[in-house]
Amino acid sequence: MAPKSNNRKKLMDIMQLLFEKTDENHYLDTYQIIEELELLGHDKTDRKTIDATVKFMVEELDLDIDKEKSTPNRYRWITRDFELAELKLLVDAVQSSRFISERKSRDIIEKLKKLTSNANAEELDRQIVTPTTFKKDNSSVLYSIDAISEAIREQLRVQFTMIDYNTSMKEVPRYEGRVHEVSPYALLWNNDYYYMLGAPSDNEGIRTYRVDRMKNCIVYDVPAKQKPADFKLAKYQSRVFDMFTGADAVVQLECSKPYIMNYLIDRFGKDFKVIASRQDGSFIAKVMVDSSPTFYGWVFQFGGDIRIISPDWVCSEFNDMLNKQKG
């Protein structure tokens, strides 16, 4: 039987008290609830009313509130939409995200705290040490992501401009502020940045755009281009390295140490072939890549444990890049 209308506020306040001040490790007993209700302006409440109200919340509202029979009885709210460990992961992700400003991070974390008890919320005051050296004050990224997501869902295009930074570290329009019109296909996350993958309206092919360099992104009410018939996001993601794009190439990588296999799988998944394997643990892998300076830089970081052995033109590009560094 539902509470009378004049008791609905008391019901909501008891619910709020239990949600905020109890959890698996913290209880409120009957007298504590009565005292809290008086502080909220309610008349004196008897013990039976508290017990009946909690019973209603459990049986009629299907809330996971545990009653421990004692003198006095004790109550605690058990199950929530998010476990504490899940909230900690979300807080860590927000704190370590480069594109979310300090202020926006605090706002989001305060909202996350409201999804658990006060005691648990104190454990969400975490300071995560990450390689990120600064957080950009760029809240517009959130709105760009929202616009891109909507366009992908509705199969529409987006319009936006791009920016660069000049030698004074000030934003300047790229291409004199030209408006880009793109059919977005996916949002990618790479090295702490969001990228939009899509087809520009003024030429063929698929390009990547760094979302934090986009400005004034809006949904454009024109149907998006159809994805290419052979479009596969997983394959494309493993081939594209940041914003430096080159020609597609099937390359052979001679790997002198067994540990290199870990890094090949991290980068390309298991969608490549080992065409030679030797007793000393070395091997040759054949992979599809986007031949770009960033790919060459990735190869260089292994200090010679990975060598590009074919095709010749990719080897030449890699050597030319090394020679440029020598001056």
Protein backbone atom coordinates (compact mmCIF):
# COMPACT_ATOMS: atom_id res chain seq x y z
CA MET A 1 0.00 0.00 0.00
CA ALA A 2 1.49 3.32 -1.05
CA PRO A 3 2.12 6.06 1.55
CA LYS A 4 -0.43 8.84 1.86
CA SER A 5 0.31 12.00 -0.08
CA ASN A 6 1.42 13.91 3.03
CA ASN A 7 4.04 11.21 3.69
CA ARG A 8 5.51 11.11 0.19
CA LYS A 9 8.16 13.68 1.03
CA LYS A 10 9.13 11.66 4.10
CA LEU A 11 9.44 8.57 1.88
CA MET A 12 11.70 10.44 -0.57
CA ASP A 13 13.83 11.84 2.24
CA ILE A 14 14.32 8.40 3.83
CA MET A 15 15.26 7.04 0.43
CA GLN A 16 17.75 9.86 -0.06
CA LEU A 17 19.24 9.39 3.40
CA LEU A 18 19.79 5.69 2.85
CA PHE A 19 21.25 6.26 -0.62
CA GLU A 20 23.70 8.94 0.50
CA LYS A 21 24.67 7.78 3.98
CA THR A 22 24.65 3.99 3.76
CA ASP A 23 26.30 1.33 1.63
CA GLU A 24 27.63 -2.19 2.07
CA ASN A 25 29.88 -1.04 4.92
CA HIS A 26 27.81 1.73 6.51
CA TYR A 27 24.41 1.62 8.22
CA LEU A 28 21.84 4.04 9.61
CA ASP A 29 19.86 2.79 12.58
CA THR A 30 16.25 3.70 13.29
CA TYR A 31 17.09 6.51 15.72
CA GLN A 32 19.62 8.05 13.37
CA ILE A 33 17.02 8.14 10.59
CA ILE A 34 14.51 9.77 12.94
CA GLU A 35 17.07 12.43 13.93
CA GLU A 36 17.95 13.12 10.30
CA LEU A 37 14.28 13.51 9.39
CA GLU A 38 13.80 16.05 12.20
CA LEU A 39 16.75 18.04 10.85
CA LEU A 40 14.95 18.06 7.51
CA GLY A 41 11.84 19.57 9.14
CA HIS A 42 9.69 16.47 9.63
CA ASP A 43 7.62 15.89 12.75
CA LYS A 44 8.72 13.20 15.19
CA THR A 45 8.55 9.84 13.45
CA ASP A 46 7.99 6.57 15.32
CA ARG A 47 10.08 3.43 14.80
CA LYS A 48 7.24 1.48 13.18
CA THR A 49 6.85 4.13 10.47
CA ILE A 50 10.52 3.84 9.58
CA ASP A 51 10.28 0.07 9.36
CA ALA A 52 7.08 0.18 7.29
CA THR A 53 8.56 2.75 4.90
CA VAL A 54 11.69 0.67 4.28
CA LYS A 55 9.52 -2.41 3.77
CA PHE A 56 7.51 -0.51 1.14
CA MET A 57 10.70 0.55 -0.66
CA VAL A 58 11.92 -3.05 -0.78
CA GLU A 59 8.65 -4.78 -1.70
CA GLU A 60 6.98 -2.16 -3.90
CA LEU A 61 9.88 -0.16 -5.32
CA ASP A 62 12.24 -3.14 -5.60
CA LEU A 63 15.14 -1.34 -3.96
CA ASP A 64 17.99 -3.43 -2.61
CA ILE A 65 17.89 -2.20 1.00
CA ASP A 66 19.05 -4.56 3.71
CA LYS A 67 17.54 -4.60 7.20
CA GLU A 68 19.59 -5.91 10.08
CA LYS A 69 17.41 -6.79 13.05
CA SER A 70 18.93 -5.41 16.21
CA THR A 71 18.18 -2.91 18.95
CA PRO A 72 17.62 -0.60 17.19
CA ASN A 73 17.22 -2.00 13.67
CA ARG A 74 19.87 -0.96 11.15
CA TYR A 75 19.45 -0.34 7.41
CA ARG A 76 21.79 -0.06 4.43
CA TRP A 77 21.46 0.45 0.67
CA ILE A 78 23.28 -2.38 -1.12
CA THR A 79 23.08 -2.51 -4.93
CA ARG A 80 23.59 0.59 -7.08
CA ASP A 81 23.76 1.19 -10.81
CA PHE A 82 27.54 1.52 -10.57
CA GLU A 83 29.86 -0.39 -8.28
CA LEU A 84 32.56 1.62 -6.52
CA ALA A 85 35.29 0.01 -8.63
CA GLU A 86 33.43 1.03 -11.82
CA LEU A 87 33.13 4.64 -10.62
CA LYS A 88 36.85 4.69 -9.83
CA LEU A 89 37.59 3.62 -13.40
CA LEU A 90 35.38 6.41 -14.74
CA VAL A 91 37.03 9.00 -12.48
CA ASP A 92 40.48 7.83 -13.55
CA ALA A 93 39.48 8.11 -17.21
CA VAL A 94 38.18 11.65 -16.72
CA GLN A 95 41.22 12.78 -14.75
CA SER A 96 43.70 11.35 -17.23
CA SER A 97 41.89 12.60 -20.34
CA ARG A 98 43.81 15.37 -22.00
CA PHE A 99 40.92 17.00 -23.83
CA ILE A 100 38.76 17.47 -20.71
CA SER A 101 39.73 20.66 -18.89
CA GLU A 102 40.44 20.76 -15.15
CA ARG A 103 37.17 22.56 -14.48
CA LYS A 104 35.09 20.19 -16.59
CA SER A 105 36.85 17.23 -14.97
CA ARG A 106 35.83 18.47 -11.52
CA ASP A 107 32.25 18.98 -12.67
CA ILE A 108 32.00 15.45 -14.11
CA ILE A 109 33.59 13.85 -11.05
CA GLU A 110 31.18 15.67 -8.73
CA LYS A 111 28.30 14.22 -10.76
CA LEU A 112 29.82 10.75 -10.54
CA LYS A 113 30.06 11.10 -6.77
CA LYS A 114 26.30 11.51 -6.59
CA LEU A 115 25.87 7.98 -7.91
CA THR A 116 27.16 6.45 -4.69
CA SER A 117 27.18 6.97 -0.93
CA ASN A 118 28.96 9.86 0.77
CA ALA A 119 31.52 7.47 2.25
CA ASN A 120 32.26 5.90 -1.12
CA ALA A 121 32.38 9.34 -2.76
CA GLU A 122 35.37 10.23 -0.58
CA GLU A 123 37.27 7.38 -2.24
CA LEU A 124 36.69 9.02 -5.62
CA ASP A 125 38.98 11.91 -4.67
CA ARG A 126 41.87 10.37 -6.55
CA GLN A 127 45.00 11.83 -8.09
CA ILE A 128 46.16 9.72 -11.02
CA VAL A 129 49.68 10.25 -12.30
CA THR A 130 49.75 9.94 -16.09
CA PRO A 131 52.24 10.81 -18.85
CA THR A 132 49.92 13.68 -19.80
CA THR A 133 51.67 16.92 -18.93
CA PHE A 134 48.68 19.22 -19.24
CA LYS A 135 44.94 19.26 -19.74
CA LYS A 136 43.59 21.50 -22.46
CA ASP A 137 40.89 24.01 -21.72
CA ASN A 138 38.89 22.77 -24.68
CA SER A 139 35.36 21.93 -23.60
CA SER A 140 34.17 22.45 -27.19
CA VAL A 141 35.57 18.97 -27.94
CA LEU A 142 32.70 17.46 -25.96
CA TYR A 143 30.15 19.25 -28.15
CA SER A 144 31.99 18.27 -31.34
CA ILE A 145 31.95 14.64 -30.24
CA ASP A 146 28.22 14.92 -29.56
CA ALA A 147 27.56 16.43 -33.00
CA ILE A 148 29.67 13.78 -34.76
CA SER A 149 27.95 10.97 -32.85
CA GLU A 150 24.54 12.32 -33.81
CA ALA A 151 25.56 12.60 -37.45
CA ILE A 152 26.86 9.02 -37.50
CA ARG A 153 23.66 7.78 -35.90
CA GLU A 154 21.40 9.71 -38.29
CA GLN A 155 23.67 9.10 -41.32
CA LEU A 156 24.12 12.82 -41.96
CA ARG A 157 27.15 15.00 -42.71
CA VAL A 158 29.00 17.43 -40.44
CA GLN A 159 30.49 20.84 -41.17
CA PHE A 160 33.42 22.39 -39.31
CA THR A 161 36.61 24.41 -39.64
CA MET A 162 40.12 23.35 -38.62
CA ILE A 163 42.72 25.24 -36.59
CA ASP A 164 46.50 25.15 -36.19
CA TYR A 165 48.84 26.89 -33.74
CA ASN A 166 51.22 29.65 -34.83
CA THR A 167 54.66 30.38 -33.38
CA SER A 168 53.01 32.44 -30.63
CA MET A 169 51.02 29.36 -29.61
CA LYS A 170 47.79 31.03 -30.70
CA GLU A 171 45.00 29.33 -32.61
CA VAL A 172 44.80 30.29 -36.27
CA PRO A 173 42.35 29.03 -38.92
CA ARG A 174 43.68 26.34 -41.23
CA TYR A 175 43.15 26.88 -44.97
CA GLU A 176 41.95 30.45 -44.25
CA GLY A 177 38.96 29.15 -42.32
CA ARG A 178 37.60 26.93 -45.09
CA VAL A 179 34.50 24.99 -44.04
CA HIS A 180 34.91 21.24 -44.31
CA GLU A 181 31.93 19.04 -45.14
CA VAL A 182 32.46 15.41 -44.22
CA SER A 183 30.42 12.20 -43.98
CA PRO A 184 31.53 10.77 -40.62
CA TYR A 185 31.85 7.00 -40.24
CA ALA A 186 33.48 6.51 -36.84
CA LEU A 187 35.13 8.15 -33.84
CA LEU A 188 38.55 6.74 -32.96
CA TRP A 189 40.56 7.11 -29.75
CA ASN A 190 44.34 7.09 -30.18
CA ASN A 191 47.13 8.34 -27.89
CA ASP A 192 44.72 10.36 -25.72
CA TYR A 193 43.04 12.10 -28.66
CA TYR A 194 39.75 11.64 -30.49
CA TYR A 195 39.78 11.33 -34.26
CA MET A 196 36.88 11.40 -36.70
CA LEU A 197 37.09 9.01 -39.62
CA GLY A 198 35.07 10.10 -42.63
CA ALA A 199 34.76 10.92 -46.32
CA PRO A 200 35.13 14.59 -47.39
CA SER A 201 32.47 15.83 -49.79
CA ASP A 202 34.92 17.46 -52.20
CA ASN A 203 37.06 14.40 -53.01
CA GLU A 204 37.20 10.64 -52.87
CA GLY A 205 38.75 8.53 -50.15
CA ILE A 206 38.61 8.47 -46.37
CA ARG A 207 40.48 10.81 -44.04
CA THR A 208 41.06 11.23 -40.33
CA TYR A 209 40.45 14.53 -38.52
CA ARG A 210 41.64 15.28 -34.99
CA VAL A 211 38.58 16.39 -33.09
CA ASP A 212 40.34 18.83 -30.76
CA ARG A 213 41.53 20.74 -33.86
CA MET A 214 37.97 21.08 -35.14
CA LYS A 215 35.92 24.21 -34.47
CA ASN A 216 32.22 25.04 -34.84
CA CYS A 217 31.27 21.45 -35.63
CA ILE A 218 27.58 21.11 -36.51
CA VAL A 219 25.33 18.44 -37.97
CA TYR A 220 24.60 19.28 -41.62
CA ASP A 221 21.19 18.05 -42.74
CA VAL A 222 22.41 16.33 -45.91
CA PRO A 223 22.57 12.52 -46.24
CA ALA A 224 26.08 11.15 -45.70
CA LYS A 225 27.99 9.35 -48.42
CA GLN A 226 27.68 5.59 -48.28
CA LYS A 227 30.62 3.77 -46.75
CA PRO A 228 32.81 1.93 -49.27
CA ALA A 229 31.74 -1.66 -49.74
CA ASP A 230 35.06 -2.93 -48.39
CA PHE A 231 35.12 -0.59 -45.38
CA LYS A 232 36.24 -2.39 -42.20
CA LEU A 233 36.93 -0.22 -39.19
CA ALA A 234 39.23 -2.68 -37.41
CA LYS A 235 41.54 -3.00 -40.40
CA TYR A 236 41.59 0.72 -41.03
CA GLN A 237 42.32 1.51 -37.39
CA SER A 238 45.33 -0.80 -37.33
CA ARG A 239 46.76 0.85 -40.45
CA VAL A 240 46.24 4.53 -39.64
CA PHE A 241 48.78 6.24 -37.38
CA ASP A 242 47.66 9.62 -36.10
CA MET A 243 47.21 12.34 -38.72
CA PHE A 244 50.22 11.56 -40.95
CA THR A 245 48.85 9.58 -43.86
CA GLY A 246 50.68 8.02 -46.79
CA ALA A 247 50.07 5.31 -49.33
CA ASP A 248 48.78 1.88 -48.38
CA ALA A 249 51.50 -0.74 -48.54
CA VAL A 250 52.00 -4.42 -47.78
CA VAL A 251 55.39 -4.45 -46.05
CA GLN A 252 57.67 -7.19 -44.83
CA LEU A 253 59.21 -6.60 -41.42
CA GLU A 254 62.23 -8.60 -40.34
CA CYS A 255 62.03 -8.95 -36.56
CA SER A 256 65.23 -10.08 -34.84
CA LYS A 257 63.81 -10.74 -31.36
CA PRO A 258 60.79 -12.82 -30.24
CA TYR A 259 59.46 -9.99 -28.03
CA ILE A 260 58.60 -7.96 -31.15
CA MET A 261 55.56 -10.20 -31.69
CA ASN A 262 53.89 -8.58 -28.66
CA TYR A 263 54.19 -5.14 -30.24
CA LEU A 264 53.03 -6.31 -33.67
CA ILE A 265 49.86 -7.73 -32.12
CA ASP A 266 49.36 -4.55 -30.07
CA ARG A 267 49.57 -2.49 -33.26
CA PHE A 268 47.99 -4.72 -35.91
CA GLY A 269 45.95 -7.25 -33.94
CA LYS A 270 46.34 -10.74 -35.40
CA ASP A 271 45.43 -9.69 -38.93
CA PHE A 272 48.88 -10.28 -40.42
CA LYS A 273 51.01 -13.22 -41.54
CA VAL A 274 54.31 -14.63 -40.33
CA ILE A 275 55.99 -15.79 -43.53
CA ALA A 276 59.25 -17.01 -41.96
CA SER A 277 60.14 -18.19 -38.47
CA ARG A 278 63.65 -19.15 -37.37
CA GLN A 279 65.02 -21.25 -34.48
CA ASP A 280 66.67 -18.22 -32.86
CA GLY A 281 63.24 -16.62 -32.41
CA SER A 282 63.55 -14.13 -35.25
CA PHE A 283 60.83 -13.97 -37.89
CA ILE A 284 59.49 -12.07 -40.87
CA ALA A 285 55.97 -10.63 -40.78
CA LYS A 286 53.87 -9.33 -43.65
CA VAL A 287 51.55 -6.47 -42.64
CA MET A 288 49.34 -3.87 -44.29
CA VAL A 289 50.29 -0.36 -43.18
CA ASP A 290 49.78 3.28 -44.02
CA SER A 291 53.32 4.28 -45.07
CA SER A 292 53.81 7.49 -43.13
CA PRO A 293 56.42 9.25 -40.99
CA THR A 294 54.61 8.04 -37.90
CA PHE A 295 54.83 4.42 -39.04
CA TYR A 296 58.53 4.88 -39.74
CA GLY A 297 58.97 6.42 -36.31
CA TRP A 298 57.25 3.41 -34.78
CA VAL A 299 59.73 1.11 -36.54
CA PHE A 300 62.70 3.26 -35.48
CA GLN A 301 61.85 3.05 -31.76
CA PHE A 302 62.90 -0.62 -31.71
CA GLY A 303 66.53 0.29 -32.34
CA GLY A 304 67.08 -2.06 -35.26
CA ASP A 305 65.13 -5.03 -33.89
CA ILE A 306 62.61 -4.35 -36.68
CA ARG A 307 63.86 -3.83 -40.24
CA ILE A 308 61.73 -3.00 -43.26
CA ILE A 309 62.90 -5.34 -46.04
CA SER A 310 60.24 -4.77 -48.72
CA PRO A 311 58.89 -3.21 -50.84
CA ASP A 312 61.87 -1.18 -52.05
CA TRP A 313 60.02 2.13 -52.23
CA VAL A 314 59.01 1.90 -48.56
CA CYS A 315 62.62 1.07 -47.61
CA SER A 316 63.74 4.13 -49.60
CA GLU A 317 61.24 6.42 -47.90
CA PHE A 318 62.38 5.17 -44.48
CA ASN A 319 66.06 5.72 -45.32
CA ASP A 320 65.32 9.18 -46.77
CA MET A 321 63.64 10.15 -43.52
CA LEU A 322 66.67 8.97 -41.53
CA ASN A 323 69.02 10.91 -43.79
CA LYS A 324 66.97 14.10 -43.32
CA GLN A 325 67.40 13.72 -39.55
CA LYS A 326 71.18 13.49 -39.99
CA GLY A 327 71.11 16.82 -41.82
